[in-house]
Protein backbone atom coordinates (compact mmCIF):
# COMPACT_ATOMS: atom_id res chain seq x y z
CA MET A 1 123.46 77.04 66.52
CA GLU A 2 119.79 76.88 65.71
CA ALA A 3 116.44 76.81 67.51
CA ASN A 4 112.96 76.19 66.61
CA ILE A 5 110.08 78.39 67.65
CA SER A 6 106.56 77.31 67.16
CA PHE A 7 103.85 79.78 67.88
CA THR A 8 100.51 78.20 67.76
CA THR A 9 97.24 79.72 66.90
CA GLY A 10 96.23 79.48 70.53
CA ASP A 11 99.28 81.71 71.52
CA LYS A 12 98.30 84.36 68.97
CA LYS A 13 94.67 84.28 70.28
CA SER A 14 95.84 84.53 73.85
CA SER A 15 98.10 87.46 73.12
CA LYS A 16 95.35 89.27 71.23
CA PHE A 17 92.72 88.47 73.90
CA SER A 18 95.22 89.80 76.56
CA ILE A 19 95.61 93.16 75.11
CA LEU A 20 91.90 93.49 74.19
CA LYS A 21 91.04 92.67 77.77
CA SER A 22 93.47 95.18 79.26
CA ILE A 23 92.39 97.88 76.96
CA SER A 24 88.66 97.22 77.68
CA GLU A 25 89.36 97.33 81.31
CA MET A 26 91.09 100.72 81.06
CA LEU A 27 88.65 102.09 78.58
CA TRP A 28 85.86 101.32 81.13
CA LEU A 29 87.15 104.37 82.89
CA PHE A 30 87.20 106.60 79.86
CA GLY A 31 83.45 107.46 79.77
CA ILE A 32 83.51 108.27 83.53
CA LEU A 33 86.69 110.32 83.29
CA ILE A 34 85.60 112.54 80.59
CA SER A 35 82.58 113.60 82.50
CA ILE A 36 84.24 114.20 85.80
CA PRO A 37 85.79 117.61 85.02
CA ALA A 38 82.35 118.90 84.11
CA CYS A 39 81.27 118.59 87.82
CA HIS A 40 84.17 120.82 88.82
CA ALA A 41 82.77 123.90 87.07
CA GLN A 42 81.68 125.86 90.18
CA THR A 43 78.92 128.51 90.36
CA GLY A 44 80.13 131.31 92.68
CA ILE A 45 79.73 134.91 93.74
CA SER A 46 82.16 137.59 92.59
CA VAL A 47 84.44 138.93 95.29
CA MET A 48 83.24 142.33 93.89
CA ALA A 49 79.60 141.51 94.63
CA ASP A 50 79.62 144.36 97.32
CA PRO A 51 82.15 147.11 96.77
CA ALA A 52 81.02 148.74 100.06
CA CYS A 53 83.11 146.16 101.93
CA ASP A 54 85.73 147.81 104.05
CA VAL A 55 84.15 151.20 103.26
CA THR A 56 80.71 151.31 104.84
CA LYS A 57 80.26 147.56 105.63
CA GLY A 58 82.01 144.82 107.42
CA CYS A 59 82.28 141.64 105.31
CA PHE A 60 82.92 137.84 105.93
CA SER A 61 83.42 135.43 103.02
CA ASP A 62 85.29 132.30 101.88
CA CYS A 63 86.66 134.03 98.76
CA SER A 64 89.41 132.23 96.78
CA GLY A 65 90.82 134.25 94.03
CA SER A 66 87.88 136.27 92.52
CA GLN A 67 85.19 133.84 93.44
CA CYS A 68 83.27 133.11 96.67
CA SER A 69 80.50 130.71 97.63
CA PHE A 70 79.02 133.08 100.15
CA LEU A 71 79.35 136.74 101.35
CA VAL A 72 77.98 138.10 104.63
CA THR A 73 77.99 141.94 105.24
CA TRP A 74 76.85 144.01 108.12
CA ARG A 75 76.52 147.73 108.84
CA SER A 76 75.33 149.41 112.02
CA VAL A 77 72.28 151.63 111.41
CA SER A 78 72.01 152.80 114.99
CA SER A 79 73.43 152.04 118.46
CA ALA A 80 70.70 149.37 118.80
CA GLN A 81 70.44 147.72 115.37
CA ILE A 82 72.71 146.06 112.70
CA VAL A 83 71.58 145.29 109.16
CA PHE A 84 72.97 141.86 107.87
CA GLU A 85 72.91 140.73 104.27
CA ILE A 86 73.79 137.12 103.38
CA ILE A 87 74.51 136.10 99.86
CA SER A 88 75.11 132.36 99.24
CA VAL A 89 75.28 129.72 96.69
CA VAL A 90 72.49 127.13 97.42
CA SER A 91 71.44 123.94 95.76
CA SER A 92 67.82 124.82 95.52
CA SER A 93 65.14 127.31 96.59
CA GLU A 94 64.33 125.01 99.54
CA SER A 95 67.63 125.91 101.39
CA TRP A 96 68.86 127.77 104.33
CA ALA A 97 71.90 129.98 105.03
CA ALA A 98 72.87 131.03 108.53
CA ILE A 99 75.34 132.96 110.55
CA GLY A 100 76.41 132.21 114.17
CA PHE A 101 78.15 134.11 116.85
CA SER A 102 80.67 132.08 119.03
CA ASP A 103 83.22 132.69 121.69
CA ASP A 104 85.47 130.05 120.09
CA ARG A 105 86.34 128.53 116.76
CA ALA A 106 84.02 125.49 117.17
CA MET A 107 80.31 124.78 116.89
CA GLY A 108 78.31 124.56 120.06
CA SER A 109 76.57 127.03 122.43
CA ASP A 110 76.29 129.65 119.68
CA SER A 111 73.68 132.29 118.88
CA VAL A 112 72.34 131.83 115.37
CA VAL A 113 70.43 133.87 112.77
CA ALA A 114 69.12 131.80 109.84
CA CYS A 115 67.51 132.65 106.56
CA VAL A 116 65.26 129.93 105.25
CA GLY A 117 63.76 129.43 101.76
CA SER A 118 60.43 127.63 101.45
CA GLY A 119 57.91 127.92 98.62
CA GLY A 120 59.67 130.83 97.14
CA VAL A 121 59.52 132.76 100.41
CA ILE A 122 62.53 133.80 102.45
CA THR A 123 61.99 134.04 106.22
CA ALA A 124 64.41 134.48 109.06
CA GLU A 125 64.66 133.08 112.65
CA SER A 126 66.79 133.29 115.68
CA GLY A 127 68.25 130.03 117.06
CA TYR A 128 70.86 128.44 119.19
CA THR A 129 73.13 125.46 118.95
CA ASP A 130 73.40 122.82 121.69
CA GLY A 131 76.46 120.95 120.86
CA ARG A 132 76.09 120.05 117.20
CA SER A 133 72.34 120.36 117.25
CA TYR A 134 70.40 123.45 116.15
CA ARG A 135 66.99 124.64 117.46
CA SER A 136 64.90 127.71 116.86
CA LEU A 137 64.24 129.92 119.80
CA SER A 138 60.80 129.71 121.30
CA ASN A 139 60.15 133.11 119.69
CA LYS A 140 61.59 132.58 116.18
CA ASN A 141 61.36 136.28 115.31
CA LEU A 142 63.16 137.44 118.49
CA GLY A 143 65.30 140.60 117.70
CA LEU A 144 64.62 140.23 113.93
CA SER A 145 62.88 142.68 111.50
CA ALA A 146 62.85 144.10 108.00
CA VAL A 147 63.41 140.61 106.49
CA THR A 148 63.55 140.46 102.67
CA GLY A 149 65.13 137.93 100.27
CA SER A 150 64.86 135.77 97.23
CA VAL A 151 66.48 132.82 95.49
CA THR A 152 67.50 133.51 91.95
CA GLY A 153 69.02 130.49 90.13
CA SER A 154 71.54 129.13 92.65
CA ILE A 155 72.07 132.27 94.63
CA MET A 156 70.15 133.23 97.80
CA ASN A 157 69.94 136.87 98.88
CA CYS A 158 68.66 137.60 102.45
CA SER A 159 68.66 140.95 104.28
CA LEU A 160 67.53 141.46 107.86
CA THR A 161 67.89 143.82 110.79
CA ARG A 162 69.01 142.31 114.05
CA THR A 163 68.73 144.10 117.48
CA MET A 164 72.11 144.54 118.99
CA PHE A 165 71.18 143.32 122.59
CA ILE A 166 68.06 142.12 124.44
CA PRO A 167 68.25 141.91 128.17
CA GLY A 168 67.31 138.65 129.82
CA GLN A 169 67.91 136.61 126.62
CA PRO A 170 71.17 134.61 127.19
CA GLU A 171 70.74 132.71 123.90
CA PHE A 172 70.53 135.91 121.98
CA PHE A 173 74.05 137.17 122.12
CA SER A 174 74.86 140.87 122.43
CA LEU A 175 76.62 142.11 119.37
CA GLN A 176 78.18 144.95 121.48
CA GLN A 177 80.68 142.16 122.30
CA ASP A 178 83.15 140.79 119.75
CA TRP A 179 82.48 137.19 118.52
CA HIS A 180 83.83 134.75 116.08
CA ILE A 181 81.40 134.65 113.04
CA LEU A 182 80.33 131.23 111.66
CA PHE A 183 78.56 130.51 108.33
CA ALA A 184 76.79 127.31 107.44
CA ARG A 185 74.13 126.30 104.85
CA GLY A 186 72.06 123.30 103.94
CA GLN A 187 68.66 121.98 102.82
CA ALA A 188 65.28 122.96 104.32
CA SER A 189 62.31 120.71 104.78
CA SER A 190 58.93 122.21 104.99
CA GLY A 191 60.48 125.57 106.06
CA ASN A 192 62.71 123.97 108.74
CA PRO A 193 66.45 123.86 108.48
CA THR A 194 68.09 120.32 108.32
CA LYS A 195 71.63 119.39 109.10
CA HIS A 196 74.13 121.54 107.15
CA VAL A 197 75.51 119.80 104.06
CA GLN A 198 78.83 121.73 104.12
CA THR A 199 81.36 122.21 106.73
CA PRO A 200 80.80 125.48 108.59
CA VAL A 201 83.30 128.33 107.97
CA ILE A 202 84.56 130.21 110.93
CA SER A 203 86.48 133.45 111.21
CA ALA A 204 90.08 133.23 112.24
CA ALA A 205 89.60 136.07 114.65
CA VAL A 206 86.81 137.65 116.61
CA VAL A 207 84.84 140.25 114.74
CA ASP A 208 83.77 143.75 115.83
CA PHE A 209 80.35 144.12 114.36
CA GLN A 210 80.32 147.82 114.80
CA SER A 211 83.30 148.17 112.37
CA THR A 212 83.73 147.92 108.67
CA SER A 213 86.58 145.33 108.58
CA THR A 214 86.78 142.38 106.37
CA SER A 215 87.20 138.91 107.89
CA ALA A 216 88.31 135.85 106.01
CA GLY A 217 86.77 132.52 106.64
CA ALA A 218 88.71 129.51 107.64
CA GLY A 219 87.46 125.99 107.82
CA VAL A 220 87.66 123.73 110.76
CA SER A 221 90.64 121.33 110.71
CA TYR A 222 89.91 117.58 110.43
CA PRO A 223 93.11 115.68 111.22
CA LEU A 224 91.31 112.31 111.03
CA VAL A 225 90.06 113.01 107.60
CA LYS A 226 93.60 113.86 106.57
CA ALA A 227 94.92 110.66 108.08
CA HIS A 228 92.18 108.73 106.26
CA GLY A 229 92.87 110.26 102.90
CA SER A 230 96.69 109.95 103.29
CA LEU A 231 96.44 106.29 104.01
CA MET A 232 94.07 105.58 101.10
CA ILE A 233 96.33 107.63 98.70
CA LEU A 234 99.44 105.68 99.93
CA ALA A 235 97.63 102.39 99.65
CA TRP A 236 96.01 102.63 96.22
CA VAL A 237 97.95 105.21 94.32
CA PHE A 238 101.39 103.82 95.17
CA VAL A 239 101.39 100.36 96.75
CA ALA A 240 98.46 98.88 94.77
CA SER A 241 99.78 100.11 91.58
CA ILE A 242 103.11 98.22 92.18
CA GLY A 243 101.40 95.12 93.44
CA ILE A 244 99.04 94.83 90.43
CA PHE A 245 101.81 95.57 87.87
CA VAL A 246 104.04 92.86 89.33
CA ALA A 247 101.23 90.25 89.12
CA ARG A 248 100.33 91.30 85.64
CA TYR A 249 103.70 91.52 83.95
CA MET A 250 106.57 90.22 86.16
CA LYS A 251 105.61 86.52 86.53
CA PRO A 252 108.03 85.29 83.77
CA LEU A 253 110.92 87.36 85.23
CA TRP A 254 113.74 85.66 87.20
CA PRO A 255 112.50 82.08 86.31
CA ASP A 256 115.44 80.36 88.06
CA SER A 257 115.23 82.48 91.26
CA THR A 258 113.09 82.22 94.41
CA LEU A 259 112.18 84.62 97.16
CA LEU A 260 110.90 83.27 100.43
CA GLY A 261 110.60 79.84 98.93
CA THR A 262 108.42 80.86 95.83
CA LYS A 263 108.75 82.64 92.54
CA VAL A 264 110.16 86.18 93.02
CA TRP A 265 107.00 88.12 91.80
CA PHE A 266 104.66 86.24 94.24
CA PRO A 267 105.97 87.50 97.68
CA ILE A 268 106.31 91.05 96.15
CA HIS A 269 102.74 90.99 95.05
CA ARG A 270 101.49 89.48 98.36
CA ILE A 271 103.44 92.01 100.50
CA CYS A 272 102.12 94.89 98.45
CA MET A 273 98.41 93.78 98.53
CA GLY A 274 98.69 92.83 102.19
CA THR A 275 99.93 96.28 102.88
CA VAL A 276 97.11 97.72 100.90
CA MET A 277 94.51 95.73 102.90
CA THR A 278 96.06 96.84 106.11
CA LEU A 279 96.11 100.51 105.27
CA THR A 280 92.62 100.38 103.87
CA VAL A 281 91.14 98.76 106.90
CA ILE A 282 92.95 101.17 109.24
CA SER A 283 91.71 104.10 107.07
CA PHE A 284 88.19 102.76 107.13
CA ILE A 285 88.14 102.60 110.97
CA ILE A 286 89.56 106.06 111.14
CA ILE A 287 86.84 107.68 109.05
CA PHE A 288 84.02 105.85 110.80
CA VAL A 289 85.30 107.17 114.02
CA GLU A 290 85.41 110.58 112.62
CA VAL A 291 81.83 110.71 111.31
CA GLY A 292 80.45 108.39 113.96
CA GLY A 293 79.08 105.84 111.57
CA TYR A 294 77.94 106.10 107.99
CA ALA A 295 77.85 109.60 106.51
CA HIS A 296 74.29 110.01 105.36
CA ASN A 297 74.48 113.82 104.95
CA ILE A 298 77.98 114.12 103.48
CA SER A 299 79.54 117.60 103.30
CA VAL A 300 80.58 118.26 99.63
CA ALA A 301 81.95 121.18 97.92
CA VAL A 302 79.59 123.55 96.06
CA GLY A 303 79.14 122.30 92.41
CA SER A 304 80.37 118.80 93.20
CA VAL A 305 77.37 117.28 94.95
CA ALA A 306 76.42 114.73 92.36
CA TYR A 307 79.88 113.03 92.44
CA GLY A 308 81.05 113.71 96.08
CA ARG A 309 78.02 111.86 97.61
CA PHE A 310 79.20 108.65 96.00
CA HIS A 311 82.41 108.65 98.17
CA PRO A 312 81.12 106.77 101.27
CA ILE A 313 79.40 103.89 99.51
CA LEU A 314 82.27 103.41 97.02
CA GLY A 315 84.76 103.41 100.00
CA ILE A 316 82.71 100.66 101.73
CA ILE A 317 82.74 98.57 98.47
CA VAL A 318 86.50 99.01 98.17
CA THR A 319 87.08 97.95 101.67
CA ILE A 320 84.87 94.84 101.29
CA LEU A 321 86.67 93.92 97.99
CA THR A 322 90.16 94.44 99.67
CA ILE A 323 89.24 92.00 102.44
CA VAL A 324 87.46 89.34 100.27
CA ASN A 325 90.36 89.11 97.79
CA PRO A 326 93.03 87.81 100.04
CA VAL A 327 90.65 85.69 101.92
CA MET A 328 89.63 84.13 98.61
CA ALA A 329 93.28 83.68 97.83
CA MET A 330 93.81 81.65 101.09
CA PHE A 331 91.38 78.98 99.89
CA ARG A 332 92.61 78.85 96.23
CA CYS A 333 92.92 75.49 94.64
CA ALA A 334 96.16 73.94 93.41
CA PRO A 335 97.64 75.43 90.14
CA ASP A 336 96.84 72.24 88.10
CA HIS A 337 93.27 71.97 89.53
CA GLU A 338 90.42 71.92 86.81
CA ARG A 339 88.79 74.93 88.63
CA ARG A 340 91.96 77.04 89.03
CA PRO A 341 90.94 79.23 85.88
CA ILE A 342 87.81 80.16 87.80
CA PHE A 343 89.79 81.30 90.76
CA ASN A 344 92.14 83.30 88.60
CA PHE A 345 89.39 85.05 86.92
CA ALA A 346 87.64 85.97 90.14
CA HIS A 347 90.79 86.92 91.91
CA ARG A 348 91.74 89.22 88.96
CA LEU A 349 88.23 90.69 88.66
CA CYS A 350 88.09 91.36 92.37
CA GLY A 351 91.48 93.08 92.36
CA ILE A 352 91.02 95.17 89.25
CA SER A 353 87.45 96.26 90.38
CA ALA A 354 88.92 97.28 93.79
CA HIS A 355 91.61 99.35 92.12
CA VAL A 356 89.43 101.05 89.66
CA ILE A 357 86.79 101.91 92.30
CA ALA A 358 89.41 103.04 94.74
CA ALA A 359 90.84 105.43 92.20
CA LEU A 360 87.45 106.93 91.41
CA THR A 361 86.69 107.18 95.18
CA ILE A 362 89.91 109.21 95.70
CA ILE A 363 88.82 111.55 92.90
CA PHE A 364 85.43 111.96 94.53
CA GLY A 365 87.06 112.39 97.84
CA THR A 366 88.74 115.51 96.59
CA TYR A 367 85.28 117.11 96.09
CA LEU A 368 84.36 116.81 99.81
CA GLU A 369 84.47 119.82 102.07
CA LYS A 370 86.24 118.06 104.84
CA SER A 371 89.20 117.15 102.48
CA GLN A 372 89.88 120.95 102.36
CA VAL A 373 91.81 120.58 99.02
CA THR A 374 91.82 122.78 95.92
CA GLY A 375 90.53 121.87 92.53
CA SER A 376 94.17 120.92 91.55
CA ALA A 377 93.94 117.75 93.83
CA SER A 378 91.16 116.36 91.63
CA GLY A 379 93.15 117.14 88.55
CA VAL A 380 96.17 115.20 89.86
CA ALA A 381 94.06 112.20 90.80
CA ILE A 382 92.48 112.19 87.36
CA ALA A 383 95.94 112.47 85.80
CA TYR A 384 97.09 109.50 87.83
CA ILE A 385 94.42 107.23 86.28
CA TRP A 386 95.18 108.45 82.87
CA VAL A 387 98.95 107.89 83.27
CA PHE A 388 98.41 104.45 84.75
CA MET A 389 96.20 103.42 81.87
CA ILE A 390 98.56 104.83 79.19
CA VAL A 391 101.70 103.19 80.66
CA ASN A 392 99.91 99.82 80.79
CA ILE A 393 98.46 100.06 77.26
CA ILE A 394 101.84 101.02 75.81
CA LEU A 395 103.41 97.98 77.50
CA GLU A 396 100.66 95.71 76.30
CA MET A 397 101.00 96.86 72.69
CA TYR A 398 104.78 96.62 72.77
CA LEU A 399 104.65 93.11 74.07
CA LEU A 400 102.06 92.18 71.51
CA ILE A 401 103.94 93.61 68.64
CA LYS A 402 107.13 91.81 69.66
CA ARG A 403 105.34 88.47 69.87
CA ARG A 404 103.52 89.00 66.56
CA ALA A 405 106.80 89.96 64.89
CA ALA A 406 108.46 86.84 66.21
CA ALA A 407 105.47 84.65 65.19
CA GLY A 408 105.47 86.08 61.74
CA ARG A 409 109.15 85.23 61.32
CA SER A 410 108.66 81.67 62.60
CA GLY A 411 105.46 79.76 62.25
CA ASP A 412 107.36 76.50 62.28
CA ILE A 413 110.28 78.14 60.54
CA GLU A 414 113.76 77.77 62.06
CA LEU A 415 115.33 81.04 63.34
CA VAL A 416 119.17 80.76 63.08
CA THR A 417 122.18 82.87 63.39
CA GLN A 418 124.11 82.54 60.12
CA GLY A 419 127.05 84.93 59.42
CA ALA A 420 125.78 88.57 59.70
CA ARG A 421 122.22 87.59 59.75
CA ASN A 422 120.76 87.58 63.26
CA SER A 423 117.42 86.22 64.13
CA LEU A 424 115.57 86.36 67.38
CA THR A 425 115.70 83.10 69.44
CA PRO A 426 113.11 82.32 72.10
CA GLU A 427 115.58 83.17 74.67
CA GLY A 428 116.38 86.46 72.90
CA LEU A 429 112.67 87.42 72.73
CA ARG A 430 112.34 86.69 76.43
CA GLN A 431 115.27 88.86 77.32
CA VAL A 432 113.92 91.81 75.28
CA GLU A 433 110.47 91.53 76.97
CA ASP A 434 112.07 91.21 80.33
CA PHE A 435 114.15 94.26 79.77
CA ALA A 436 111.17 96.23 78.52
CA VAL A 437 109.06 95.18 81.61
CA LYS A 438 111.81 96.14 84.02
CA CYS A 439 112.24 99.58 82.36
CA VAL A 440 108.49 100.23 82.38
CA PHE A 441 108.27 98.98 86.05
CA GLY A 442 110.90 101.45 87.03
CA ILE A 443 109.04 104.25 85.28
CA GLN A 444 105.75 103.15 86.89
CA ILE A 445 107.19 103.25 90.40
CA LEU A 446 108.69 106.72 89.90
CA LEU A 447 105.43 108.12 88.35
CA MET A 448 103.23 106.50 90.99
CA PHE A 449 105.51 107.89 93.73
CA VAL A 450 105.27 111.38 92.28
CA PHE A 451 101.46 111.26 92.05
CA ALA A 452 101.15 109.82 95.57
CA LEU A 453 103.43 112.45 97.09
CA THR A 454 101.80 115.36 95.18
CA LEU A 455 98.36 114.22 96.46
CA LEU A 456 99.61 113.87 99.90
CA VAL A 457 101.13 117.33 99.93
CA LEU A 458 97.92 118.85 98.48
CA LEU A 459 95.78 117.04 101.02
CA ASN A 460 97.85 117.89 104.09
CA ILE A 461 98.60 121.59 103.31
CA GLY A 462 94.96 122.23 102.39
């Protein structure tokens, strides 16, 4: 038995172009990914910033391990006055940090004391929250005295004395009563606080401000944010990774079989990407309901502002691409049409762009305060992209090497099986490639499932 294989120059160029294109697409992320970890280096306050906590002072913080982004302390100096000190990480000298006193674990109808930085000077004011809106009291200085403070680097220090109780002032709460304590911060404009840029932190239990106990901060739960993130992770980390792999590598598999009236790869790809579109649109609607529109003042984790603020706009781009691509596919021309290569290029570009941007958006999403995840989540998301790239590059290189080896042994030379000498036939080469693709596909499904499951766990237990 003998067979002829003729690898034309065009085939070699096509293979070479294929791997170069895939590698260039993946290396596009390289420059971005190597810079992302740098944004995770957080500036913080040591948990030992005030050793008087639990001794002569009561304390409230968001400490995790040995680092905190804020620390509030109080001590009673008389039956009528309490000294508060607020230490907080801020983004600039034009910032504010505030504490609130609430009868529940939600914002609204709360008495507030705010330290505001402007022009290098720290002032303090009494205020009140109506729903989610803050306003200063008509007498900003009501019940406040001995205000001092400064902003050094990215740390604001503010000390003030607050009167315990003022009769006839219902919006100036009495600290003879126990309250939940809230902490929030944000940017100041001309000495006026603007909307907080981070999710307020609230004490898990009411606080006795005449005691020296330590209270831990607990963030508000955001179930719709969790649902949004979970759907996006499932869609893009798991389902999209399968759909894209199938379209890229599995077209030649099962050439004599059909599924739902077409080649096997096509309905698999279509079901996967249809699922991605459905999950993405649902997730998009959920987050718009949660934030009430477009999030202009997005709440980001300290130290991650530059990256986290890109999450909303990138999410909108991903959603648009996710809808445009299948709509474009509905109006595709016939396979033998002269303009079919244009559609193929546009369809592939749209799909790859959506996948790349979605992956980066998920990473940036882990930096948002409302996600309530630890730094390990962003590490897992970054590792997912690296593993996806590496698996695909290895497969591209393997297939290229196999085809080049076969081409080098043939040209227009016959490959025959004679005695003990075995040569690779076209069918043999195809079987080897099919086996390699199937193996890598199985590995890819397993890895993407592990990454998706890990991110889902980190998101929903945070």
